[in-house]
PDB file of N, CA and C in Angstrom:
ATOM      1  N   SER A   1     120.329 105.940 108.568  1.00  0.00           N
ATOM      2  CA  SER A   1     119.762 104.752 109.113  1.00  0.00           C
ATOM      3  C   SER A   1     118.821 104.156 108.130  1.00  0.00           C
ATOM      4  N   LEU A   2     118.500 102.919 108.264  1.00  0.00           N
ATOM      5  CA  LEU A   2     117.605 102.204 107.279  1.00  0.00           C
ATOM      6  C   LEU A   2     116.299 101.876 108.020  1.00  0.00           C
ATOM      7  N   SER A   3     115.224 102.417 107.473  1.00  0.00           N
ATOM      8  CA  SER A   3     113.946 102.148 108.013  1.00  0.00           C
ATOM      9  C   SER A   3     113.262 100.976 107.270  1.00  0.00           C
ATOM     10  N   GLN A   4     112.814  99.976 108.006  1.00  0.00           N
ATOM     11  CA  GLN A   4     112.336  98.748 107.374  1.00  0.00           C
ATOM     12  C   GLN A   4     110.971  98.345 108.084  1.00  0.00           C
ATOM     13  N   SER A   5     110.126  97.706 107.224  1.00  0.00           N
ATOM     14  CA  SER A   5     108.910  97.156 107.747  1.00  0.00           C
ATOM     15  C   SER A   5     108.662  95.901 107.048  1.00  0.00           C
ATOM     16  N   LEU A   6     108.094  94.897 107.751  1.00  0.00           N
ATOM     17  CA  LEU A   6     107.630  93.596 107.134  1.00  0.00           C
ATOM     18  C   LEU A   6     106.153  93.602 106.988  1.00  0.00           C
ATOM     19  N   CYS A   7     105.759  93.104 105.749  1.00  0.00           N
ATOM     20  CA  CYS A   7     104.353  93.053 105.480  1.00  0.00           C
ATOM     21  C   CYS A   7     104.146  91.725 104.733  1.00  0.00           C
ATOM     22  N   ASN A   8     103.482  90.724 105.349  1.00  0.00           N
ATOM     23  CA  ASN A   8     103.327  89.434 104.726  1.00  0.00           C
ATOM     24  C   ASN A   8     104.662  89.004 104.162  1.00  0.00           C
ATOM     25  N   ARG A   9     104.738  88.723 102.820  1.00  0.00           N
ATOM     26  CA  ARG A   9     106.044  88.275 102.271  1.00  0.00           C
ATOM     27  C   ARG A   9     106.783  89.377 101.638  1.00  0.00           C
ATOM     28  N   PHE A  10     106.416  90.585 101.747  1.00  0.00           N
ATOM     29  CA  PHE A  10     107.132  91.731 101.146  1.00  0.00           C
ATOM     30  C   PHE A  10     107.925  92.510 102.167  1.00  0.00           C
ATOM     31  N   PHE A  11     109.037  93.032 101.743  1.00  0.00           N
ATOM     32  CA  PHE A  11     109.934  93.853 102.532  1.00  0.00           C
ATOM     33  C   PHE A  11     110.017  95.220 101.958  1.00  0.00           C
ATOM     34  N   LEU A  12     109.739  96.220 102.733  1.00  0.00           N
ATOM     35  CA  LEU A  12     109.747  97.579 102.215  1.00  0.00           C
ATOM     36  C   LEU A  12     110.857  98.353 102.907  1.00  0.00           C
ATOM     37  N   SER A  13     111.662  99.064 102.134  1.00  0.00           N
ATOM     38  CA  SER A  13     112.795  99.794 102.685  1.00  0.00           C
ATOM     39  C   SER A  13     112.915 101.083 102.037  1.00  0.00           C
ATOM     40  N   THR A  14     113.288 102.067 102.789  1.00  0.00           N
ATOM     41  CA  THR A  14     113.641 103.330 102.305  1.00  0.00           C
ATOM     42  C   THR A  14     114.819 103.844 102.994  1.00  0.00           C
ATOM     43  N   GLN A  15     115.810 104.358 102.301  1.00  0.00           N
ATOM     44  CA  GLN A  15     117.030 104.907 102.942  1.00  0.00           C
ATOM     45  C   GLN A  15     116.697 106.348 103.386  1.00  0.00           C
ATOM     46  N   ILE A  16     116.713 106.530 104.673  1.00  0.00           N
ATOM     47  CA  ILE A  16     116.491 107.881 105.201  1.00  0.00           C
ATOM     48  C   ILE A  16     117.648 108.249 106.073  1.00  0.00           C
ATOM     49  N   SER A  17     118.464 109.191 105.645  1.00  0.00           N
ATOM     50  CA  SER A  17     119.628 109.634 106.310  1.00  0.00           C
ATOM     51  C   SER A  17     119.494 111.186 106.522  1.00  0.00           C
ATOM     52  N   PHE A  18     119.711 111.650 107.631  1.00  0.00           N
ATOM     53  CA  PHE A  18     119.734 113.060 107.965  1.00  0.00           C
ATOM     54  C   PHE A  18     121.137 113.628 108.173  1.00  0.00           C
ATOM     55  N   SER A  19     121.429 114.667 107.524  1.00  0.00           N
ATOM     56  CA  SER A  19     122.769 115.267 107.567  1.00  0.00           C
ATOM     57  C   SER A  19     122.717 116.586 108.307  1.00  0.00           C
ATOM     58  N   TYR A  20     123.684 116.849 109.136  1.00  0.00           N
ATOM     59  CA  TYR A  20     123.680 118.176 109.810  1.00  0.00           C
ATOM     60  C   TYR A  20     124.666 119.145 109.011  1.00  0.00           C
ATOM     61  N   SER A  21     125.276 118.606 107.965  1.00  0.00           N
ATOM     62  CA  SER A  21     126.145 119.492 107.098  1.00  0.00           C
ATOM     63  C   SER A  21     125.343 119.849 105.839  1.00  0.00           C
ATOM     64  N   SER A  22     125.259 121.113 105.492  1.00  0.00           N
ATOM     65  CA  SER A  22     124.623 121.505 104.320  1.00  0.00           C
ATOM     66  C   SER A  22     125.315 121.090 103.062  1.00  0.00           C
ATOM     67  N   SER A  23     126.586 120.735 103.203  1.00  0.00           N
ATOM     68  CA  SER A  23     127.294 120.322 101.966  1.00  0.00           C
ATOM     69  C   SER A  23     127.178 118.782 101.722  1.00  0.00           C
ATOM     70  N   LEU A  24     126.714 118.001 102.687  1.00  0.00           N
ATOM     71  CA  LEU A  24     126.546 116.545 102.490  1.00  0.00           C
ATOM     72  C   LEU A  24     125.056 116.206 102.491  1.00  0.00           C
ATOM     73  N   ARG A  25     124.507 115.811 101.371  1.00  0.00           N
ATOM     74  CA  ARG A  25     123.065 115.425 101.261  1.00  0.00           C
ATOM     75  C   ARG A  25     122.946 113.968 101.100  1.00  0.00           C
ATOM     76  N   LEU A  26     122.557 113.283 102.121  1.00  0.00           N
ATOM     77  CA  LEU A  26     122.366 111.845 102.093  1.00  0.00           C
ATOM     78  C   LEU A  26     120.863 111.385 102.094  1.00  0.00           C
ATOM     79  N   GLU A  27     119.975 112.317 102.058  1.00  0.00           N
ATOM     80  CA  GLU A  27     118.535 111.983 102.125  1.00  0.00           C
ATOM     81  C   GLU A  27     118.146 111.338 100.783  1.00  0.00           C
ATOM     82  N   SER A  28     117.130 110.470 100.882  1.00  0.00           N
ATOM     83  CA  SER A  28     116.710 109.719  99.666  1.00  0.00           C
ATOM     84  C   SER A  28     115.140 109.975  99.515  1.00  0.00           C
ATOM     85  N   SER A  29     114.768 110.090  98.208  1.00  0.00           N
ATOM     86  CA  SER A  29     113.387 110.132  97.918  1.00  0.00           C
ATOM     87  C   SER A  29     112.886 108.883  97.223  1.00  0.00           C
ATOM     88  N   VAL A  30     113.614 107.852  97.314  1.00  0.00           N
ATOM     89  CA  VAL A  30     113.280 106.605  96.716  1.00  0.00           C
ATOM     90  C   VAL A  30     112.758 105.581  97.753  1.00  0.00           C
ATOM     91  N   VAL A  31     111.710 104.846  97.360  1.00  0.00           N
ATOM     92  CA  VAL A  31     111.085 103.753  98.226  1.00  0.00           C
ATOM     93  C   VAL A  31     111.318 102.521  97.381  1.00  0.00           C
ATOM     94  N   GLU A  32     111.865 101.453  98.022  1.00  0.00           N
ATOM     95  CA  GLU A  32     111.988 100.232  97.327  1.00  0.00           C
ATOM     96  C   GLU A  32     111.168  99.089  97.970  1.00  0.00           C
ATOM     97  N   VAL A  33     110.484  98.355  97.151  1.00  0.00           N
ATOM     98  CA  VAL A  33     109.624  97.211  97.597  1.00  0.00           C
ATOM     99  C   VAL A  33     110.306  95.960  97.077  1.00  0.00           C
ATOM    100  N   HIS A  34     110.641  95.106  98.014  1.00  0.00           N
ATOM    101  CA  HIS A  34     111.380  93.803  97.753  1.00  0.00           C
ATOM    102  C   HIS A  34     110.405  92.631  98.018  1.00  0.00           C
ATOM    103  N   ASN A  35     110.266  91.804  97.013  1.00  0.00           N
ATOM    104  CA  ASN A  35     109.560  90.507  97.193  1.00  0.00           C
ATOM    105  C   ASN A  35     110.519  89.455  97.708  1.00  0.00           C
ATOM    106  N   LEU A  36     110.325  89.068  98.916  1.00  0.00           N
ATOM    107  CA  LEU A  36     111.293  88.081  99.546  1.00  0.00           C
ATOM    108  C   LEU A  36     111.265  86.686  98.878  1.00  0.00           C
ATOM    109  N   LEU A  37     110.103  86.272  98.376  1.00  0.00           N
ATOM    110  CA  LEU A  37     110.027  84.950  97.784  1.00  0.00           C
ATOM    111  C   LEU A  37     110.580  84.892  96.306  1.00  0.00           C
ATOM    112  N   GLN A  38     110.306  85.932  95.540  1.00  0.00           N
ATOM    113  CA  GLN A  38     110.719  85.927  94.155  1.00  0.00           C
ATOM    114  C   GLN A  38     111.991  86.761  93.808  1.00  0.00           C
ATOM    115  N   LYS A  39     112.495  87.416  94.842  1.00  0.00           N
ATOM    116  CA  LYS A  39     113.703  88.320  94.722  1.00  0.00           C
ATOM    117  C   LYS A  39     113.479  89.411  93.691  1.00  0.00           C
ATOM    118  N   ASP A  40     112.151  89.829  93.565  1.00  0.00           N
ATOM    119  CA  ASP A  40     111.821  90.989  92.755  1.00  0.00           C
ATOM    120  C   ASP A  40     112.047  92.270  93.506  1.00  0.00           C
ATOM    121  N   LYS A  41     112.365  93.408  92.875  1.00  0.00           N
ATOM    122  CA  LYS A  41     112.482  94.712  93.598  1.00  0.00           C
ATOM    123  C   LYS A  41     111.844  95.720  92.680  1.00  0.00           C
ATOM    124  N   TYR A  42     111.021  96.503  93.326  1.00  0.00           N
ATOM    125  CA  TYR A  42     110.283  97.600  92.590  1.00  0.00           C
ATOM    126  C   TYR A  42     110.750  98.933  93.308  1.00  0.00           C
ATOM    127  N   THR A  43     111.128  99.856  92.445  1.00  0.00           N
ATOM    128  CA  THR A  43     111.538 101.161  92.946  1.00  0.00           C
ATOM    129  C   THR A  43     110.534 102.220  92.599  1.00  0.00           C
ATOM    130  N   LEU A  44     110.092 102.945  93.652  1.00  0.00           N
ATOM    131  CA  LEU A  44     109.033 103.920  93.517  1.00  0.00           C
ATOM    132  C   LEU A  44     109.632 105.298  93.597  1.00  0.00           C
ATOM    133  N   HIS A  45     109.380 106.092  92.562  1.00  0.00           N
ATOM    134  CA  HIS A  45     109.893 107.446  92.469  1.00  0.00           C
ATOM    135  C   HIS A  45     108.814 108.446  92.368  1.00  0.00           C
ATOM    136  N   VAL A  46     108.221 108.926  93.443  1.00  0.00           N
ATOM    137  CA  VAL A  46     107.210 109.956  93.364  1.00  0.00           C
ATOM    138  C   VAL A  46     107.615 111.195  94.104  1.00  0.00           C
ATOM    139  N   HIS A  47     108.384 111.057  95.178  1.00  0.00           N
ATOM    140  CA  HIS A  47     108.778 112.160  96.047  1.00  0.00           C
ATOM    141  C   HIS A  47     109.952 112.855  95.372  1.00  0.00           C
ATOM    142  N   ASP A  48     109.857 114.154  95.390  1.00  0.00           N
ATOM    143  CA  ASP A  48     110.998 115.030  94.937  1.00  0.00           C
ATOM    144  C   ASP A  48     112.069 115.219  95.888  1.00  0.00           C
ATOM    145  N   HIS A  49     111.718 115.042  97.221  1.00  0.00           N
ATOM    146  CA  HIS A  49     112.629 115.211  98.298  1.00  0.00           C
ATOM    147  C   HIS A  49     112.543 114.045  99.240  1.00  0.00           C
ATOM    148  N   CYS A  50     113.250 114.139 100.301  1.00  0.00           N
ATOM    149  CA  CYS A  50     113.363 113.022 101.286  1.00  0.00           C
ATOM    150  C   CYS A  50     112.027 112.462 101.749  1.00  0.00           C
ATOM    151  N   VAL A  51     111.909 111.169 101.752  1.00  0.00           N
ATOM    152  CA  VAL A  51     110.785 110.505 102.389  1.00  0.00           C
ATOM    153  C   VAL A  51     110.937 110.568 103.871  1.00  0.00           C
ATOM    154  N   LEU A  52     109.903 111.020 104.579  1.00  0.00           N
ATOM    155  CA  LEU A  52     110.020 111.258 106.007  1.00  0.00           C
ATOM    156  C   LEU A  52     109.245 110.215 106.854  1.00  0.00           C
ATOM    157  N   SER A  53     108.230 109.644 106.232  1.00  0.00           N
ATOM    158  CA  SER A  53     107.524 108.559 107.003  1.00  0.00           C
ATOM    159  C   SER A  53     106.869 107.623 106.054  1.00  0.00           C
ATOM    160  N   LEU A  54     106.594 106.382 106.586  1.00  0.00           N
ATOM    161  CA  LEU A  54     105.969 105.274 105.833  1.00  0.00           C
ATOM    162  C   LEU A  54     105.118 104.507 106.805  1.00  0.00           C
ATOM    163  N   LYS A  55     103.903 104.182 106.376  1.00  0.00           N
ATOM    164  CA  LYS A  55     102.984 103.455 107.293  1.00  0.00           C
ATOM    165  C   LYS A  55     102.218 102.492 106.491  1.00  0.00           C
ATOM    166  N   PHE A  56     102.207 101.166 106.854  1.00  0.00           N
ATOM    167  CA  PHE A  56     101.410 100.197 106.287  1.00  0.00           C
ATOM    168  C   PHE A  56      99.973 100.212 106.883  1.00  0.00           C
ATOM    169  N   ALA A  57      98.956  99.928 105.972  1.00  0.00           N
ATOM    170  CA  ALA A  57      97.583  99.745 106.483  1.00  0.00           C
ATOM    171  C   ALA A  57      97.590  98.448 107.256  1.00  0.00           C
ATOM    172  N   PRO A  58      96.676  98.368 108.242  1.00  0.00           N
ATOM    173  CA  PRO A  58      96.611  97.150 109.062  1.00  0.00           C
ATOM    174  C   PRO A  58      96.431  95.838 108.237  1.00  0.00           C
ATOM    175  N   ASP A  59      95.741  95.831 107.107  1.00  0.00           N
ATOM    176  CA  ASP A  59      95.579  94.672 106.293  1.00  0.00           C
ATOM    177  C   ASP A  59      96.780  94.364 105.361  1.00  0.00           C
ATOM    178  N   GLY A  60      97.766  95.282 105.305  1.00  0.00           N
ATOM    179  CA  GLY A  60      98.944  95.023 104.513  1.00  0.00           C
ATOM    180  C   GLY A  60      98.786  95.207 103.072  1.00  0.00           C
ATOM    181  N   LYS A  61      97.616  95.668 102.622  1.00  0.00           N
ATOM    182  CA  LYS A  61      97.343  95.807 101.160  1.00  0.00           C
ATOM    183  C   LYS A  61      97.725  97.083 100.549  1.00  0.00           C
ATOM    184  N   TRP A  62      98.067  98.085 101.342  1.00  0.00           N
ATOM    185  CA  TRP A  62      98.434  99.396 100.847  1.00  0.00           C
ATOM    186  C   TRP A  62      99.218 100.078 101.914  1.00  0.00           C
ATOM    187  N   PHE A  63      99.974 101.143 101.571  1.00  0.00           N
ATOM    188  CA  PHE A  63     100.799 101.888 102.529  1.00  0.00           C
ATOM    189  C   PHE A  63     100.825 103.404 101.982  1.00  0.00           C
ATOM    190  N   VAL A  64     101.229 104.234 102.934  1.00  0.00           N
ATOM    191  CA  VAL A  64     101.303 105.639 102.751  1.00  0.00           C
ATOM    192  C   VAL A  64     102.730 106.110 102.952  1.00  0.00           C
ATOM    193  N   THR A  65     103.200 107.015 102.173  1.00  0.00           N
ATOM    194  CA  THR A  65     104.456 107.729 102.351  1.00  0.00           C
ATOM    195  C   THR A  65     104.252 109.202 102.411  1.00  0.00           C
ATOM    196  N   THR A  66     105.134 109.848 103.168  1.00  0.00           N
ATOM    197  CA  THR A  66     105.086 111.344 103.194  1.00  0.00           C
ATOM    198  C   THR A  66     106.480 111.822 103.064  1.00  0.00           C
ATOM    199  N   GLY A  67     106.621 113.163 102.721  1.00  0.00           N
ATOM    200  CA  GLY A  67     107.938 113.660 102.540  1.00  0.00           C
ATOM    201  C   GLY A  67     108.128 115.149 102.701  1.00  0.00           C
ATOM    202  N   LYS A  68     109.386 115.577 102.481  1.00  0.00           N
ATOM    203  CA  LYS A  68     109.767 116.959 102.565  1.00  0.00           C
ATOM    204  C   LYS A  68     109.135 117.773 101.385  1.00  0.00           C
ATOM    205  N   ASP A  69     108.708 117.049 100.336  1.00  0.00           N
ATOM    206  CA  ASP A  69     108.128 117.716  99.219  1.00  0.00           C
ATOM    207  C   ASP A  69     106.650 118.072  99.393  1.00  0.00           C
ATOM    208  N   ASN A  70     106.190 117.991 100.649  1.00  0.00           N
ATOM    209  CA  ASN A  70     104.789 118.356 101.067  1.00  0.00           C
ATOM    210  C   ASN A  70     103.761 117.255 100.581  1.00  0.00           C
ATOM    211  N   LEU A  71     104.249 116.155 100.109  1.00  0.00           N
ATOM    212  CA  LEU A  71     103.360 115.162  99.444  1.00  0.00           C
ATOM    213  C   LEU A  71     102.988 113.998 100.352  1.00  0.00           C
ATOM    214  N   LEU A  72     101.697 113.691 100.270  1.00  0.00           N
ATOM    215  CA  LEU A  72     101.183 112.376 100.870  1.00  0.00           C
ATOM    216  C   LEU A  72     100.854 111.536  99.722  1.00  0.00           C
ATOM    217  N   SER A  73     101.409 110.288  99.681  1.00  0.00           N
ATOM    218  CA  SER A  73     101.204 109.374  98.611  1.00  0.00           C
ATOM    219  C   SER A  73     100.653 108.050  99.224  1.00  0.00           C
ATOM    220  N   LEU A  74      99.647 107.454  98.474  1.00  0.00           N
ATOM    221  CA  LEU A  74      99.097 106.181  98.844  1.00  0.00           C
ATOM    222  C   LEU A  74      99.468 105.166  97.768  1.00  0.00           C
ATOM    223  N   TRP A  75      99.937 104.010  98.170  1.00  0.00           N
ATOM    224  CA  TRP A  75     100.437 103.016  97.277  1.00  0.00           C
ATOM    225  C   TRP A  75      99.694 101.680  97.544  1.00  0.00           C
ATOM    226  N   LYS A  76      99.500 100.922  96.450  1.00  0.00           N
ATOM    227  CA  LYS A  76      98.882  99.607  96.575  1.00  0.00           C
ATOM    228  C   LYS A  76      99.973  98.525  96.535  1.00  0.00           C
ATOM    229  N   MET A  77      99.864  97.536  97.400  1.00  0.00           N
ATOM    230  CA  MET A  77     100.829  96.430  97.361  1.00  0.00           C
ATOM    231  C   MET A  77     100.372  95.413  96.304  1.00  0.00           C
ATOM    232  N   PRO A  78     101.130  94.536  95.724  1.00  0.00           N
ATOM    233  CA  PRO A  78     102.529  94.287  96.117  1.00  0.00           C
ATOM    234  C   PRO A  78     103.508  95.131  95.237  1.00  0.00           C
ATOM    235  N   PHE A  79     103.087  95.825  94.167  1.00  0.00           N
ATOM    236  CA  PHE A  79     103.967  96.411  93.220  1.00  0.00           C
ATOM    237  C   PHE A  79     104.191  97.902  93.374  1.00  0.00           C
ATOM    238  N   GLY A  80     103.486  98.478  94.372  1.00  0.00           N
ATOM    239  CA  GLY A  80     103.676  99.885  94.557  1.00  0.00           C
ATOM    240  C   GLY A  80     102.887 100.815  93.538  1.00  0.00           C
ATOM    241  N   LEU A  81     101.712 100.346  93.205  1.00  0.00           N
ATOM    242  CA  LEU A  81     100.861 101.069  92.287  1.00  0.00           C
ATOM    243  C   LEU A  81     100.386 102.386  92.971  1.00  0.00           C
ATOM    244  N   GLY A  82     100.722 103.549  92.318  1.00  0.00           N
ATOM    245  CA  GLY A  82     100.296 104.785  92.925  1.00  0.00           C
ATOM    246  C   GLY A  82      98.770 104.939  92.823  1.00  0.00           C
ATOM    247  N   VAL A  83      98.095 105.203  93.961  1.00  0.00           N
ATOM    248  CA  VAL A  83      96.689 105.292  94.022  1.00  0.00           C
ATOM    249  C   VAL A  83      96.127 106.660  94.295  1.00  0.00           C
ATOM    250  N   PHE A  84      96.844 107.437  95.116  1.00  0.00           N
ATOM    251  CA  PHE A  84      96.394 108.712  95.564  1.00  0.00           C
ATOM    252  C   PHE A  84      97.624 109.626  95.918  1.00  0.00           C
ATOM    253  N   GLN A  85      97.482 110.894  95.544  1.00  0.00           N
ATOM    254  CA  GLN A  85      98.580 111.837  96.027  1.00  0.00           C
ATOM    255  C   GLN A  85      97.824 113.129  96.435  1.00  0.00           C
ATOM    256  N   GLN A  86      98.347 113.738  97.464  1.00  0.00           N
ATOM    257  CA  GLN A  86      97.843 115.028  97.920  1.00  0.00           C
ATOM    258  C   GLN A  86      98.883 115.904  98.386  1.00  0.00           C
ATOM    259  N   LYS A  87      98.991 117.113  97.900  1.00  0.00           N
ATOM    260  CA  LYS A  87      99.994 118.092  98.236  1.00  0.00           C
ATOM    261  C   LYS A  87      99.500 118.848  99.425  1.00  0.00           C
ATOM    262  N   GLU A  88     100.343 118.945 100.509  1.00  0.00           N
ATOM    263  CA  GLU A  88     100.053 119.752 101.635  1.00  0.00           C
ATOM    264  C   GLU A  88     100.775 121.071 101.644  1.00  0.00           C
ATOM    265  N   THR A  89     100.562 121.944 102.580  1.00  0.00           N
ATOM    266  CA  THR A  89     101.265 123.224 102.534  1.00  0.00           C
ATOM    267  C   THR A  89     102.575 123.290 103.085  1.00  0.00           C
ATOM    268  N   SER A  90     103.116 122.166 103.761  1.00  0.00           N
ATOM    269  CA  SER A  90     104.419 122.133 104.382  1.00  0.00           C
ATOM    270  C   SER A  90     104.861 120.687 104.301  1.00  0.00           C
ATOM    271  N   SER A  91     106.159 120.435 104.670  1.00  0.00           N
ATOM    272  CA  SER A  91     106.722 119.112 104.740  1.00  0.00           C
ATOM    273  C   SER A  91     105.810 118.253 105.595  1.00  0.00           C
ATOM    274  N   VAL A  92     105.489 117.039 105.140  1.00  0.00           N
ATOM    275  CA  VAL A  92     104.632 116.118 105.831  1.00  0.00           C
ATOM    276  C   VAL A  92     105.525 115.242 106.625  1.00  0.00           C
ATOM    277  N   LEU A  93     105.639 115.474 107.952  1.00  0.00           N
ATOM    278  CA  LEU A  93     106.585 114.836 108.843  1.00  0.00           C
ATOM    279  C   LEU A  93     106.196 113.473 109.303  1.00  0.00           C
ATOM    280  N   SER A  94     104.896 113.181 109.414  1.00  0.00           N
ATOM    281  CA  SER A  94     104.442 111.883 109.843  1.00  0.00           C
ATOM    282  C   SER A  94     103.034 111.584 109.382  1.00  0.00           C
ATOM    283  N   CYS A  95     102.760 110.208 109.572  1.00  0.00           N
ATOM    284  CA  CYS A  95     101.397 109.779 109.098  1.00  0.00           C
ATOM    285  C   CYS A  95     101.030 108.572 109.953  1.00  0.00           C
ATOM    286  N   ASP A  96      99.731 108.372 109.967  1.00  0.00           N
ATOM    287  CA  ASP A  96      99.229 107.142 110.660  1.00  0.00           C
ATOM    288  C   ASP A  96      97.895 106.730 109.923  1.00  0.00           C
ATOM    289  N   ILE A  97      97.524 105.527 110.081  1.00  0.00           N
ATOM    290  CA  ILE A  97      96.292 104.919 109.490  1.00  0.00           C
ATOM    291  C   ILE A  97      95.473 104.366 110.592  1.00  0.00           C
ATOM    292  N   SER A  98      94.154 104.673 110.678  1.00  0.00           N
ATOM    293  CA  SER A  98      93.300 104.147 111.698  1.00  0.00           C
ATOM    294  C   SER A  98      93.175 102.640 111.584  1.00  0.00           C
ATOM    295  N   ALA A  99      92.867 102.022 112.693  1.00  0.00           N
ATOM    296  CA  ALA A  99      92.788 100.581 112.739  1.00  0.00           C
ATOM    297  C   ALA A  99      91.708  99.986 111.745  1.00  0.00           C
ATOM    298  N   ASP A 100      90.657 100.766 111.549  1.00  0.00           N
ATOM    299  CA  ASP A 100      89.652 100.311 110.629  1.00  0.00           C
ATOM    300  C   ASP A 100      89.884 100.776 109.178  1.00  0.00           C
ATOM    301  N   GLN A 101      90.999 101.411 108.997  1.00  0.00           N
ATOM    302  CA  GLN A 101      91.472 101.852 107.680  1.00  0.00           C
ATOM    303  C   GLN A 101      90.572 102.859 106.950  1.00  0.00           C
ATOM    304  N   LYS A 102      89.831 103.555 107.787  1.00  0.00           N
ATOM    305  CA  LYS A 102      88.907 104.568 107.201  1.00  0.00           C
ATOM    306  C   LYS A 102      89.514 106.008 107.118  1.00  0.00           C
ATOM    307  N   TYR A 103      90.607 106.174 107.946  1.00  0.00           N
ATOM    308  CA  TYR A 103      91.223 107.544 108.050  1.00  0.00           C
ATOM    309  C   TYR A 103      92.747 107.413 107.970  1.00  0.00           C
ATOM    310  N   VAL A 104      93.324 108.420 107.303  1.00  0.00           N
ATOM    311  CA  VAL A 104      94.715 108.620 107.280  1.00  0.00           C
ATOM    312  C   VAL A 104      94.944 110.086 107.913  1.00  0.00           C
ATOM    313  N   VAL A 105      95.859 110.148 108.846  1.00  0.00           N
ATOM    314  CA  VAL A 105      96.132 111.431 109.474  1.00  0.00           C
ATOM    315  C   VAL A 105      97.604 111.760 109.249  1.00  0.00           C
ATOM    316  N   THR A 106      97.885 113.090 108.940  1.00  0.00           N
ATOM    317  CA  THR A 106      99.223 113.488 108.762  1.00  0.00           C
ATOM    318  C   THR A 106      99.526 114.633 109.720  1.00  0.00           C
ATOM    319  N   GLY A 107     100.787 114.788 109.987  1.00  0.00           N
ATOM    320  CA  GLY A 107     101.321 115.888 110.822  1.00  0.00           C
ATOM    321  C   GLY A 107     102.322 116.657 109.989  1.00  0.00           C
ATOM    322  N   SER A 108     102.169 117.941 109.818  1.00  0.00           N
ATOM    323  CA  SER A 108     103.134 118.680 108.890  1.00  0.00           C
ATOM    324  C   SER A 108     103.904 119.725 109.659  1.00  0.00           C
ATOM    325  N   GLY A 109     104.910 120.205 108.918  1.00  0.00           N
ATOM    326  CA  GLY A 109     105.902 121.170 109.519  1.00  0.00           C
ATOM    327  C   GLY A 109     105.222 122.503 109.924  1.00  0.00           C
ATOM    328  N   ASP A 110     104.050 122.822 109.375  1.00  0.00           N
ATOM    329  CA  ASP A 110     103.363 124.030 109.760  1.00  0.00           C
ATOM    330  C   ASP A 110     102.494 123.850 111.017  1.00  0.00           C
ATOM    331  N   LEU A 111     102.788 122.753 111.768  1.00  0.00           N
ATOM    332  CA  LEU A 111     102.049 122.454 112.998  1.00  0.00           C
ATOM    333  C   LEU A 111     100.576 122.106 112.814  1.00  0.00           C
ATOM    334  N   LYS A 112     100.281 121.570 111.668  1.00  0.00           N
ATOM    335  CA  LYS A 112      98.918 121.254 111.336  1.00  0.00           C
ATOM    336  C   LYS A 112      98.733 119.716 111.167  1.00  0.00           C
ATOM    337  N   ALA A 113      97.649 119.181 111.701  1.00  0.00           N
ATOM    338  CA  ALA A 113      97.223 117.774 111.463  1.00  0.00           C
ATOM    339  C   ALA A 113      96.107 117.812 110.434  1.00  0.00           C
ATOM    340  N   THR A 114      96.148 116.920 109.502  1.00  0.00           N
ATOM    341  CA  THR A 114      95.126 116.751 108.552  1.00  0.00           C
ATOM    342  C   THR A 114      94.541 115.341 108.530  1.00  0.00           C
ATOM    343  N   VAL A 115      93.310 115.216 108.530  1.00  0.00           N
ATOM    344  CA  VAL A 115      92.671 113.894 108.469  1.00  0.00           C
ATOM    345  C   VAL A 115      91.989 113.684 107.174  1.00  0.00           C
ATOM    346  N   TYR A 116      92.320 112.581 106.479  1.00  0.00           N
ATOM    347  CA  TYR A 116      91.770 112.239 105.245  1.00  0.00           C
ATOM    348  C   TYR A 116      90.806 111.001 105.435  1.00  0.00           C
ATOM    349  N   GLU A 117      89.603 111.104 104.949  1.00  0.00           N
ATOM    350  CA  GLU A 117      88.682 109.949 104.953  1.00  0.00           C
ATOM    351  C   GLU A 117      88.867 109.102 103.740  1.00  0.00           C
ATOM    352  N   MET A 118      89.051 107.800 103.936  1.00  0.00           N
ATOM    353  CA  MET A 118      89.285 106.849 102.846  1.00  0.00           C
ATOM    354  C   MET A 118      87.931 106.331 102.369  1.00  0.00           C
ATOM    355  N   VAL A 119      87.611 106.576 101.100  1.00  0.00           N
ATOM    356  CA  VAL A 119      86.365 106.098 100.446  1.00  0.00           C
ATOM    357  C   VAL A 119      86.720 104.971  99.520  1.00  0.00           C
ATOM    358  N   TYR A 120      86.229 103.797  99.751  1.00  0.00           N
ATOM    359  CA  TYR A 120      86.545 102.677  98.922  1.00  0.00           C
ATOM    360  C   TYR A 120      85.386 102.457  97.881  1.00  0.00           C
ATOM    361  N   GLN A 121      85.820 102.270  96.681  1.00  0.00           N
ATOM    362  CA  GLN A 121      84.947 101.956  95.596  1.00  0.00           C
ATOM    363  C   GLN A 121      85.033 100.538  95.082  1.00  0.00           C
ATOM    364  N   SER A 122      83.950  99.862  94.853  1.00  0.00           N
ATOM    365  CA  SER A 122      84.045  98.508  94.353  1.00  0.00           C
ATOM    366  C   SER A 122      84.261  98.491  92.886  1.00  0.00           C
TER     367      SER A 122
END
């Protein structure tokens, strides 16, 4: 399936396919950012394994990805500049961002929730 989100004039997509056959591997670790106005495309390669979740910040200026590689990554729009990475102890299955953008929470395969406080520097 194709997971898609709209953010202002940018389109973010990641191919996430799950296979029940161990011989067929359709999962993707690639995140693509498409500029709808200029037809630009940026490919982000930070995850070693399948991207499992993606969440935009409420202001649309940054987003978070998580994956099977135990990695939480924070990206700045519009070009996908890598801002922060944190390795967790298990696959990071989900993420969310608080409405005030002060916290990122993740849920991982070892049944643990982790809360990250976002500290902004001028």
